[in-house]
């Protein structure tokens, strides 16, 4: 990384699929914008922690709530 590079933190759910998708997207962005670098901050969500609730009855932010709150804060 050179001195003009910017490092951005990116939140992602800690599931294997989410991390793979996030890393793939970030690799593509880094190729297009080589002065940007990223660190992935792994997070869980209510949907990751709650294994009992019916997904059809879950709120729309069931898998994004904690990420959304982290961005706002």
C-alpha atoms as a PDB file:
ATOM      1  CA  UNK A   1       0.000   0.000   0.000  1.00  0.00           C
ATOM      2  CA  UNK A   2       1.441   3.353  -0.956  1.00  0.00           C
ATOM      3  CA  UNK A   3       1.183   6.575   1.014  1.00  0.00           C
ATOM      4  CA  UNK A   4      -1.750   7.817  -1.064  1.00  0.00           C
ATOM      5  CA  UNK A   5      -3.903   4.744  -0.395  1.00  0.00           C
ATOM      6  CA  UNK A   6      -7.089   5.061   1.609  1.00  0.00           C
ATOM      7  CA  UNK A   7      -8.218   2.249   3.896  1.00  0.00           C
ATOM      8  CA  UNK A   8     -11.933   1.785   4.413  1.00  0.00           C
ATOM      9  CA  UNK A   9     -13.601  -0.536   6.903  1.00  0.00           C
ATOM     10  CA  UNK A  10     -16.377  -2.683   5.482  1.00  0.00           C
ATOM     11  CA  UNK A  11     -18.845  -4.525   7.691  1.00  0.00           C
ATOM     12  CA  UNK A  12     -19.953  -8.003   6.693  1.00  0.00           C
ATOM     13  CA  UNK A  13     -21.823 -10.805   8.370  1.00  0.00           C
ATOM     14  CA  UNK A  14     -19.431 -13.493   9.567  1.00  0.00           C
ATOM     15  CA  UNK A  15     -21.084 -16.263   7.539  1.00  0.00           C
ATOM     16  CA  UNK A  16     -18.891 -17.995   4.949  1.00  0.00           C
ATOM     17  CA  UNK A  17     -21.168 -16.884   2.120  1.00  0.00           C
ATOM     18  CA  UNK A  18     -21.281 -13.245   3.224  1.00  0.00           C
ATOM     19  CA  UNK A  19     -17.514 -13.082   3.639  1.00  0.00           C
ATOM     20  CA  UNK A  20     -16.889 -14.703   0.255  1.00  0.00           C
ATOM     21  CA  UNK A  21     -19.286 -12.280  -1.469  1.00  0.00           C
ATOM     22  CA  UNK A  22     -17.799  -9.290   0.343  1.00  0.00           C
ATOM     23  CA  UNK A  23     -14.212 -10.241  -0.497  1.00  0.00           C
ATOM     24  CA  UNK A  24     -15.108 -10.846  -4.155  1.00  0.00           C
ATOM     25  CA  UNK A  25     -16.784  -7.445  -4.423  1.00  0.00           C
ATOM     26  CA  UNK A  26     -13.882  -5.698  -2.685  1.00  0.00           C
ATOM     27  CA  UNK A  27     -11.321  -7.402  -4.945  1.00  0.00           C
ATOM     28  CA  UNK A  28     -13.179  -6.057  -7.974  1.00  0.00           C
ATOM     29  CA  UNK A  29     -13.373  -2.561  -6.506  1.00  0.00           C
ATOM     30  CA  UNK A  30      -9.647  -2.592  -5.658  1.00  0.00           C
ATOM     31  CA  UNK A  31      -8.827  -3.472  -9.280  1.00  0.00           C
ATOM     32  CA  UNK A  32     -10.869  -0.511 -10.508  1.00  0.00           C
ATOM     33  CA  UNK A  33      -9.711   1.879  -7.776  1.00  0.00           C
ATOM     34  CA  UNK A  34      -6.202   0.804  -6.736  1.00  0.00           C
ATOM     35  CA  UNK A  35      -5.790   3.651  -4.233  1.00  0.00           C
ATOM     36  CA  UNK A  36      -8.561   2.135  -2.092  1.00  0.00           C
ATOM     37  CA  UNK A  37      -7.869  -0.703   0.316  1.00  0.00           C
ATOM     38  CA  UNK A  38     -10.354  -2.394   2.596  1.00  0.00           C
ATOM     39  CA  UNK A  39     -10.485  -4.135   5.927  1.00  0.00           C
ATOM     40  CA  UNK A  40     -13.430  -6.424   6.595  1.00  0.00           C
ATOM     41  CA  UNK A  41     -15.076  -6.128  10.009  1.00  0.00           C
ATOM     42  CA  UNK A  42     -16.962  -9.343  10.737  1.00  0.00           C
ATOM     43  CA  UNK A  43     -20.248  -8.959  12.578  1.00  0.00           C
ATOM     44  CA  UNK A  44     -23.157 -11.144  13.558  1.00  0.00           C
ATOM     45  CA  UNK A  45     -26.825 -10.278  13.284  1.00  0.00           C
ATOM     46  CA  UNK A  46     -29.981 -11.313  15.108  1.00  0.00           C
ATOM     47  CA  UNK A  47     -30.547 -13.754  12.235  1.00  0.00           C
ATOM     48  CA  UNK A  48     -27.176 -15.385  12.904  1.00  0.00           C
ATOM     49  CA  UNK A  49     -27.775 -15.691  16.638  1.00  0.00           C
ATOM     50  CA  UNK A  50     -31.469 -16.646  16.651  1.00  0.00           C
ATOM     51  CA  UNK A  51     -31.775 -20.194  15.333  1.00  0.00           C
ATOM     52  CA  UNK A  52     -35.385 -20.615  16.509  1.00  0.00           C
ATOM     53  CA  UNK A  53     -37.400 -17.901  14.766  1.00  0.00           C
ATOM     54  CA  UNK A  54     -39.290 -18.603  11.572  1.00  0.00           C
ATOM     55  CA  UNK A  55     -37.508 -16.702   8.804  1.00  0.00           C
ATOM     56  CA  UNK A  56     -40.824 -16.040   7.056  1.00  0.00           C
ATOM     57  CA  UNK A  57     -42.015 -14.213  10.190  1.00  0.00           C
ATOM     58  CA  UNK A  58     -38.759 -12.350  10.865  1.00  0.00           C
ATOM     59  CA  UNK A  59     -38.453  -8.575  10.483  1.00  0.00           C
ATOM     60  CA  UNK A  60     -36.895  -7.190   7.275  1.00  0.00           C
ATOM     61  CA  UNK A  61     -33.685  -6.228   9.092  1.00  0.00           C
ATOM     62  CA  UNK A  62     -33.204  -9.641  10.733  1.00  0.00           C
ATOM     63  CA  UNK A  63     -29.841 -10.168   9.012  1.00  0.00           C
ATOM     64  CA  UNK A  64     -28.747  -6.535   8.723  1.00  0.00           C
ATOM     65  CA  UNK A  65     -29.808  -4.809  11.971  1.00  0.00           C
ATOM     66  CA  UNK A  66     -26.406  -4.850  13.719  1.00  0.00           C
ATOM     67  CA  UNK A  67     -24.579  -3.792  10.557  1.00  0.00           C
ATOM     68  CA  UNK A  68     -27.031  -0.939  10.041  1.00  0.00           C
ATOM     69  CA  UNK A  69     -26.608   0.236  13.639  1.00  0.00           C
ATOM     70  CA  UNK A  70     -22.801   0.084  13.358  1.00  0.00           C
ATOM     71  CA  UNK A  71     -22.864   2.298  10.281  1.00  0.00           C
ATOM     72  CA  UNK A  72     -25.171   4.801  11.957  1.00  0.00           C
ATOM     73  CA  UNK A  73     -22.996   4.937  15.081  1.00  0.00           C
END
